[in-house]
Structures are given as structure tokens and as C-alpha cells.
């Protein structure tokens, strides 16, 4: 009997490559989310420092122009925080979409792996069945020749 050959091997290879690419895209998206979280955290820490600076300056002699500059810096830093928060939410949605792509690619790859496994098992069983039939025929022929009968 011929050795087992999976006819969809090229498709299986393609799906494995697609899954690998989806894993890389998901990893990049997660890395971007982590970076955006760090950026937001840094911006919030800067905002907190500006607030602390404003409060400490108010405790001592503080000119009106200095207060205006500090409030403008705080307003600007708040806009940076808001922008970073929006960016983070967008990147989280993107990472979720990449995760869905990865799950779909993984499922498509696993379907073909299971199909190949089933076909290989069926091929092996058929080979075993044919081998058993050949052994049975050989035993029957030997039994018939031992009894002096002619095998048909």
C-alpha cells in the first residue's frame, strides 16, 4: 500500500504561516498597548508633579504670571493625558481585533491538523486491515495445502 499522503499539505502549511503571522501581529499589538499604558502613566505622573508644584508654590510667595504659566502647563498636560488615554483605548480595541484574527487562524489551522490526523488514522487502519486479510489468506492457503486440498 502507498504511504500516507495528505492532499491538503500545502494548505496546511499556508494556514500555519497565517497563524504565525497572526501571532506576531497580536504580539505587536500587545506591545503597543503596553507602551501606550507606560506613556499614559508617565503623562499622569507629570501632571501630578505639576499639581504638586503649583500647590507648593502657592504656599510661598507666588506671582500671578507664575500661576498662569503653571495652570497653562497643567491644562496642556491634561490634554496630553486625554490624548494618551484615547490612544490607549484605540490600541486596546486593535489588540482585541488582532486576538480575534489569531483565534480564527488558529482554529482554521487546527481543523486541518485534525483532518490530517483522521485521514492518517484511517490510512493506517486500512493498511492494517489489508495486512490482516493477506495474513488470513496465507493461513487459509497453508491450511488448505496441509489438508491436501487445492486452493482456489
C-alpha atoms as a PDB file:
ATOM      1  CA  UNK A   1       0.000   0.000   0.000  1.00  0.00           C
ATOM      2  CA  UNK A   2       1.173   3.506  -0.760  1.00  0.00           C
ATOM      3  CA  UNK A   3       2.459   5.620   2.110  1.00  0.00           C
ATOM      4  CA  UNK A   4       0.051   8.188   3.566  1.00  0.00           C
ATOM      5  CA  UNK A   5      -0.050  11.491   1.732  1.00  0.00           C
ATOM      6  CA  UNK A   6      -2.192  14.395   2.945  1.00  0.00           C
ATOM      7  CA  UNK A   7      -3.521  16.124  -0.148  1.00  0.00           C
ATOM      8  CA  UNK A   8      -4.034  19.442   1.657  1.00  0.00           C
ATOM      9  CA  UNK A   9      -0.463  19.672   2.980  1.00  0.00           C
ATOM     10  CA  UNK A  10       0.191  22.909   1.079  1.00  0.00           C
ATOM     11  CA  UNK A  11      -2.979  24.445   2.540  1.00  0.00           C
ATOM     12  CA  UNK A  12      -1.904  23.255   5.983  1.00  0.00           C
ATOM     13  CA  UNK A  13       1.475  24.938   5.528  1.00  0.00           C
ATOM     14  CA  UNK A  14      -0.230  28.131   4.402  1.00  0.00           C
ATOM     15  CA  UNK A  15      -2.563  28.096   7.400  1.00  0.00           C
ATOM     16  CA  UNK A  16       0.364  27.505   9.762  1.00  0.00           C
ATOM     17  CA  UNK A  17       2.118  30.533   8.270  1.00  0.00           C
ATOM     18  CA  UNK A  18      -1.076  32.565   8.593  1.00  0.00           C
ATOM     19  CA  UNK A  19      -1.376  31.568  12.252  1.00  0.00           C
ATOM     20  CA  UNK A  20       2.246  32.521  12.859  1.00  0.00           C
ATOM     21  CA  UNK A  21       1.682  35.905  11.238  1.00  0.00           C
ATOM     22  CA  UNK A  22      -1.446  36.439  13.335  1.00  0.00           C
ATOM     23  CA  UNK A  23       0.550  35.605  16.480  1.00  0.00           C
ATOM     24  CA  UNK A  24       3.183  38.178  15.518  1.00  0.00           C
ATOM     25  CA  UNK A  25       0.525  40.819  14.818  1.00  0.00           C
ATOM     26  CA  UNK A  26      -1.135  40.130  18.161  1.00  0.00           C
ATOM     27  CA  UNK A  27       2.209  40.335  19.964  1.00  0.00           C
ATOM     28  CA  UNK A  28       2.947  43.675  18.282  1.00  0.00           C
ATOM     29  CA  UNK A  29      -0.485  44.966  19.263  1.00  0.00           C
ATOM     30  CA  UNK A  30       0.055  43.906  22.880  1.00  0.00           C
ATOM     31  CA  UNK A  31       3.452  45.595  22.864  1.00  0.00           C
ATOM     32  CA  UNK A  32       1.853  48.803  21.546  1.00  0.00           C
ATOM     33  CA  UNK A  33      -0.770  48.639  24.315  1.00  0.00           C
ATOM     34  CA  UNK A  34       1.920  48.226  26.965  1.00  0.00           C
ATOM     35  CA  UNK A  35       3.863  51.160  25.522  1.00  0.00           C
ATOM     36  CA  UNK A  36       0.701  53.319  25.453  1.00  0.00           C
ATOM     37  CA  UNK A  37      -0.022  52.380  29.067  1.00  0.00           C
ATOM     38  CA  UNK A  38       3.503  53.483  30.035  1.00  0.00           C
ATOM     39  CA  UNK A  39       3.073  56.741  28.101  1.00  0.00           C
ATOM     40  CA  UNK A  40      -0.222  57.430  29.856  1.00  0.00           C
ATOM     41  CA  UNK A  41       1.271  56.601  33.228  1.00  0.00           C
ATOM     42  CA  UNK A  42       4.229  58.901  32.569  1.00  0.00           C
ATOM     43  CA  UNK A  43       1.918  61.724  31.436  1.00  0.00           C
ATOM     44  CA  UNK A  44      -0.241  61.292  34.548  1.00  0.00           C
ATOM     45  CA  UNK A  45       2.882  61.349  36.736  1.00  0.00           C
ATOM     46  CA  UNK A  46       3.977  64.584  35.021  1.00  0.00           C
ATOM     47  CA  UNK A  47       0.517  66.045  35.633  1.00  0.00           C
ATOM     48  CA  UNK A  48       0.709  65.069  39.283  1.00  0.00           C
ATOM     49  CA  UNK A  49       4.131  66.725  39.573  1.00  0.00           C
ATOM     50  CA  UNK A  50       2.729  69.906  38.014  1.00  0.00           C
ATOM     51  CA  UNK A  51      -0.142  69.920  40.514  1.00  0.00           C
ATOM     52  CA  UNK A  52       2.288  69.389  43.383  1.00  0.00           C
ATOM     53  CA  UNK A  53       4.497  72.192  42.079  1.00  0.00           C
ATOM     54  CA  UNK A  54       1.506  74.517  41.867  1.00  0.00           C
ATOM     55  CA  UNK A  55       0.404  73.684  45.407  1.00  0.00           C
ATOM     56  CA  UNK A  56       3.902  74.104  46.843  1.00  0.00           C
ATOM     57  CA  UNK A  57       4.318  77.423  45.005  1.00  0.00           C
ATOM     58  CA  UNK A  58       1.017  78.692  46.414  1.00  0.00           C
ATOM     59  CA  UNK A  59       2.297  78.016  49.914  1.00  0.00           C
ATOM     60  CA  UNK A  60       5.077  80.548  49.432  1.00  0.00           C
ATOM     61  CA  UNK A  61       5.139  83.853  47.601  1.00  0.00           C
ATOM     62  CA  UNK A  62       3.584  83.227  44.180  1.00  0.00           C
ATOM     63  CA  UNK A  63       3.183  85.763  41.392  1.00  0.00           C
ATOM     64  CA  UNK A  64       0.146  85.896  39.200  1.00  0.00           C
ATOM     65  CA  UNK A  65       2.113  85.279  35.972  1.00  0.00           C
ATOM     66  CA  UNK A  66       3.758  82.210  37.505  1.00  0.00           C
ATOM     67  CA  UNK A  67       0.332  80.887  38.446  1.00  0.00           C
ATOM     68  CA  UNK A  68      -0.984  81.450  34.901  1.00  0.00           C
ATOM     69  CA  UNK A  69       2.027  79.645  33.437  1.00  0.00           C
ATOM     70  CA  UNK A  70       1.562  76.730  35.856  1.00  0.00           C
ATOM     71  CA  UNK A  71      -2.167  76.477  35.078  1.00  0.00           C
ATOM     72  CA  UNK A  72      -1.447  76.545  31.330  1.00  0.00           C
ATOM     73  CA  UNK A  73       1.128  73.778  31.775  1.00  0.00           C
ATOM     74  CA  UNK A  74      -1.426  71.737  33.746  1.00  0.00           C
ATOM     75  CA  UNK A  75      -4.078  72.276  31.063  1.00  0.00           C
ATOM     76  CA  UNK A  76      -1.625  71.214  28.369  1.00  0.00           C
ATOM     77  CA  UNK A  77      -0.586  68.137  30.361  1.00  0.00           C
ATOM     78  CA  UNK A  78      -4.258  67.227  30.884  1.00  0.00           C
ATOM     79  CA  UNK A  79      -4.770  67.354  27.105  1.00  0.00           C
ATOM     80  CA  UNK A  80      -1.747  65.072  26.680  1.00  0.00           C
ATOM     81  CA  UNK A  81      -3.235  62.651  29.231  1.00  0.00           C
ATOM     82  CA  UNK A  82      -6.588  62.703  27.432  1.00  0.00           C
ATOM     83  CA  UNK A  83      -4.900  62.078  24.081  1.00  0.00           C
ATOM     84  CA  UNK A  84      -2.859  59.205  25.543  1.00  0.00           C
ATOM     85  CA  UNK A  85      -5.995  57.697  27.108  1.00  0.00           C
ATOM     86  CA  UNK A  86      -7.819  57.823  23.758  1.00  0.00           C
ATOM     87  CA  UNK A  87      -4.797  56.277  22.043  1.00  0.00           C
ATOM     88  CA  UNK A  88      -4.668  53.528  24.661  1.00  0.00           C
ATOM     89  CA  UNK A  89      -8.349  52.689  24.146  1.00  0.00           C
ATOM     90  CA  UNK A  90      -7.847  52.578  20.392  1.00  0.00           C
ATOM     91  CA  UNK A  91      -4.835  50.284  20.771  1.00  0.00           C
ATOM     92  CA  UNK A  92      -6.749  48.008  23.153  1.00  0.00           C
ATOM     93  CA  UNK A  93      -9.513  47.651  20.552  1.00  0.00           C
ATOM     94  CA  UNK A  94      -6.875  46.936  17.908  1.00  0.00           C
ATOM     95  CA  UNK A  95      -5.263  44.293  20.135  1.00  0.00           C
ATOM     96  CA  UNK A  96      -8.673  42.691  20.664  1.00  0.00           C
ATOM     97  CA  UNK A  97      -9.223  42.596  16.893  1.00  0.00           C
ATOM     98  CA  UNK A  98      -5.773  41.017  16.408  1.00  0.00           C
ATOM     99  CA  UNK A  99      -6.670  38.440  19.072  1.00  0.00           C
ATOM    100  CA  UNK A 100      -9.827  37.550  17.166  1.00  0.00           C
ATOM    101  CA  UNK A 101      -7.779  37.204  13.962  1.00  0.00           C
ATOM    102  CA  UNK A 102      -5.360  34.938  15.831  1.00  0.00           C
ATOM    103  CA  UNK A 103      -8.174  32.758  17.177  1.00  0.00           C
ATOM    104  CA  UNK A 104      -9.673  32.389  13.703  1.00  0.00           C
ATOM    105  CA  UNK A 105      -6.291  31.495  12.173  1.00  0.00           C
ATOM    106  CA  UNK A 106      -5.595  29.030  14.988  1.00  0.00           C
ATOM    107  CA  UNK A 107      -8.995  27.378  14.523  1.00  0.00           C
ATOM    108  CA  UNK A 108      -8.502  27.068  10.754  1.00  0.00           C
ATOM    109  CA  UNK A 109      -5.069  25.519  11.283  1.00  0.00           C
ATOM    110  CA  UNK A 110      -6.323  23.092  13.927  1.00  0.00           C
ATOM    111  CA  UNK A 111      -9.183  21.960  11.678  1.00  0.00           C
ATOM    112  CA  UNK A 112      -6.689  20.869   9.034  1.00  0.00           C
ATOM    113  CA  UNK A 113      -4.435  19.227  11.638  1.00  0.00           C
ATOM    114  CA  UNK A 114      -7.396  17.177  12.907  1.00  0.00           C
ATOM    115  CA  UNK A 115      -8.382  16.273   9.341  1.00  0.00           C
ATOM    116  CA  UNK A 116      -4.838  15.110   8.593  1.00  0.00           C
ATOM    117  CA  UNK A 117      -4.797  13.085  11.797  1.00  0.00           C
ATOM    118  CA  UNK A 118      -8.124  11.431  10.957  1.00  0.00           C
ATOM    119  CA  UNK A 119      -7.006  10.625   7.432  1.00  0.00           C
ATOM    120  CA  UNK A 120      -3.689   9.216   8.674  1.00  0.00           C
ATOM    121  CA  UNK A 121      -5.531   7.041  11.191  1.00  0.00           C
ATOM    122  CA  UNK A 122      -7.936   5.820   8.508  1.00  0.00           C
ATOM    123  CA  UNK A 123      -4.996   5.076   6.189  1.00  0.00           C
ATOM    124  CA  UNK A 124      -3.188   3.154   8.934  1.00  0.00           C
ATOM    125  CA  UNK A 125      -6.336   1.143   9.739  1.00  0.00           C
ATOM    126  CA  UNK A 126      -6.849   0.309   6.083  1.00  0.00           C
ATOM    127  CA  UNK A 127      -3.217  -0.829   5.797  1.00  0.00           C
ATOM    128  CA  UNK A 128      -3.635  -2.979   8.915  1.00  0.00           C
ATOM    129  CA  UNK A 129      -6.881  -4.414   7.539  1.00  0.00           C
ATOM    130  CA  UNK A 130      -5.242  -5.298   4.221  1.00  0.00           C
ATOM    131  CA  UNK A 131      -2.307  -6.846   6.026  1.00  0.00           C
ATOM    132  CA  UNK A 132      -4.679  -8.923   8.150  1.00  0.00           C
ATOM    133  CA  UNK A 133      -6.559 -10.062   5.037  1.00  0.00           C
ATOM    134  CA  UNK A 134      -3.263 -11.069   3.404  1.00  0.00           C
ATOM    135  CA  UNK A 135      -2.210 -13.000   6.526  1.00  0.00           C
ATOM    136  CA  UNK A 136      -5.614 -14.690   6.719  1.00  0.00           C
ATOM    137  CA  UNK A 137      -5.404 -15.668   3.049  1.00  0.00           C
ATOM    138  CA  UNK A 138      -1.897 -17.039   3.596  1.00  0.00           C
ATOM    139  CA  UNK A 139      -3.023 -19.061   6.635  1.00  0.00           C
ATOM    140  CA  UNK A 140      -6.045 -20.388   4.766  1.00  0.00           C
ATOM    141  CA  UNK A 141      -3.900 -21.343   1.777  1.00  0.00           C
ATOM    142  CA  UNK A 142      -1.397 -23.122   4.039  1.00  0.00           C
ATOM    143  CA  UNK A 143      -4.205 -24.880   5.934  1.00  0.00           C
ATOM    144  CA  UNK A 144      -5.777 -25.973   2.643  1.00  0.00           C
ATOM    145  CA  UNK A 145      -2.444 -27.268   1.312  1.00  0.00           C
ATOM    146  CA  UNK A 146      -1.794 -29.171   4.583  1.00  0.00           C
ATOM    147  CA  UNK A 147      -5.144 -30.930   4.192  1.00  0.00           C
ATOM    148  CA  UNK A 148      -4.315 -31.809   0.631  1.00  0.00           C
ATOM    149  CA  UNK A 149      -6.913 -29.516  -0.875  1.00  0.00           C
ATOM    150  CA  UNK A 150      -6.268 -27.267  -3.790  1.00  0.00           C
ATOM    151  CA  UNK A 151      -6.543 -23.630  -3.015  1.00  0.00           C
ATOM    152  CA  UNK A 152      -8.863 -21.813  -5.311  1.00  0.00           C
END
